[in-house]
Protein backbone atom coordinates (compact mmCIF):
# COMPACT_ATOMS: atom_id res chain seq x y z
CA MET A 1 29.09 22.41 -80.22
CA ASN A 2 27.70 25.61 -78.95
CA GLN A 3 30.33 27.98 -77.18
CA GLU A 4 27.70 29.12 -74.72
CA ARG A 5 27.56 25.27 -73.57
CA LEU A 6 31.05 25.09 -73.94
CA MET A 7 31.28 28.01 -71.36
CA GLN A 8 28.96 26.14 -68.61
CA VAL A 9 30.67 22.57 -68.86
CA LEU A 10 34.09 23.38 -66.73
CA LEU A 11 32.61 24.56 -63.17
CA ALA A 12 35.88 24.81 -61.44
CA PRO A 13 39.54 23.52 -60.98
CA GLN A 14 40.36 20.79 -58.54
CA ILE A 15 43.01 22.14 -56.54
CA SER A 16 44.58 19.78 -54.03
CA GLU A 17 47.66 17.96 -52.97
CA LYS A 18 46.70 15.31 -55.50
CA ALA A 19 46.22 17.37 -58.09
CA THR A 20 49.30 19.07 -57.62
CA TYR A 21 50.96 15.54 -57.87
CA ILE A 22 49.11 14.25 -61.25
CA ALA A 23 49.69 17.51 -62.73
CA GLU A 24 53.70 17.20 -62.05
CA LYS A 25 53.83 13.68 -62.91
CA ARG A 26 51.35 13.29 -65.69
CA ASN A 27 50.91 16.63 -67.14
CA GLN A 28 46.94 16.73 -66.03
CA VAL A 29 44.74 18.62 -64.94
CA ILE A 30 41.66 17.84 -62.59
CA PHE A 31 38.54 20.17 -63.23
CA ARG A 32 35.08 19.63 -61.37
CA VAL A 33 32.30 19.37 -64.66
CA ALA A 34 28.82 19.43 -65.29
CA PRO A 35 26.97 16.26 -64.74
CA ASP A 36 26.43 15.86 -67.86
CA ALA A 37 29.44 16.97 -69.95
CA THR A 38 30.70 14.28 -71.80
CA LYS A 39 34.88 13.75 -73.13
CA PRO A 40 34.48 15.87 -76.60
CA GLU A 41 32.94 19.01 -75.08
CA ILE A 42 35.37 18.84 -71.99
CA LYS A 43 38.20 18.67 -74.23
CA ALA A 44 36.58 21.44 -76.60
CA ALA A 45 35.94 23.44 -73.17
CA VAL A 46 38.85 23.48 -72.30
CA GLU A 47 40.96 24.17 -75.61
CA LEU A 48 38.32 27.24 -76.30
CA MET A 49 38.88 28.57 -72.40
CA PHE A 50 42.78 27.99 -71.32
CA LYS A 51 44.11 28.27 -75.57
CA VAL A 52 46.06 24.52 -74.55
CA GLU A 53 45.92 21.38 -76.59
CA VAL A 54 44.67 18.53 -74.85
CA ASP A 55 45.94 15.07 -75.40
CA SER A 56 43.53 13.03 -73.71
CA VAL A 57 40.33 13.13 -71.15
CA GLN A 58 39.39 10.65 -68.48
CA VAL A 59 36.37 11.28 -66.67
CA ALA A 60 35.04 10.13 -62.90
CA ASN A 61 31.61 10.14 -61.17
CA VAL A 62 32.44 11.33 -57.06
CA LYS A 63 30.08 9.82 -54.81
CA GLY A 64 28.57 12.43 -52.27
CA LYS A 65 29.97 11.20 -48.92
CA VAL A 66 27.03 10.29 -45.93
CA LYS A 67 27.13 12.53 -42.97
CA ARG A 68 25.00 12.12 -39.95
CA PHE A 69 23.58 15.46 -38.36
CA LYS A 70 22.09 15.12 -34.75
CA GLY A 71 21.32 11.26 -35.39
CA ALA A 72 19.77 12.14 -39.10
CA THR A 73 21.89 10.70 -41.34
CA GLY A 74 21.95 12.48 -44.92
CA ARG A 75 23.88 12.37 -48.21
CA ARG A 76 25.73 15.01 -49.74
CA LYS A 77 25.95 15.79 -53.58
CA GLY A 78 27.79 13.73 -55.83
CA TRP A 79 29.80 15.52 -58.86
CA LYS A 80 32.02 14.69 -61.80
CA LYS A 81 35.26 15.05 -61.96
CA ALA A 82 37.39 15.47 -65.26
CA PHE A 83 41.66 14.32 -65.82
CA VAL A 84 42.58 16.23 -68.47
CA GLY A 85 45.95 15.58 -70.23
CA LEU A 86 48.02 18.19 -71.83
CA LYS A 87 50.22 17.93 -75.16
CA ALA A 88 53.84 18.21 -74.12
CA GLY A 89 54.92 21.52 -74.02
CA GLN A 90 51.48 22.69 -72.72
CA GLU A 91 50.61 23.99 -69.02
CA ILE A 92 47.71 25.94 -67.37
CA ASN A 93 49.31 27.83 -64.20
CA PHE A 94 45.66 28.88 -61.85
CA VAL A 95 48.17 30.97 -59.55
CA GLU A 96 48.88 33.40 -62.26
CA GLY A 97 45.15 33.23 -63.59
CA GLY A 98 45.76 31.11 -67.04
CA ASN A 99 48.68 30.54 -69.14
CA ALA A 100 52.00 30.35 -68.27
């Protein structure tokens, strides 16, 4: 896989209450990823950028919400998120900016 492509796969970490709960319970980290990203690309990108060992990757497509503004309906853009399971003893800490 091209290293330039791998740097464009991960868009941002998804930090929320649910993401924190999953990180503690299942040793998983949630990322917002490119819409055309595949599981092997996501695994390689996380291992390259954060220097950790990835155990598993699950992907979910999130549909955009339907919103109304002054009587007109519209739809927000959908996005893709990846649940990345880390091997035992591995950790990514976003607060300190990298590995812990």
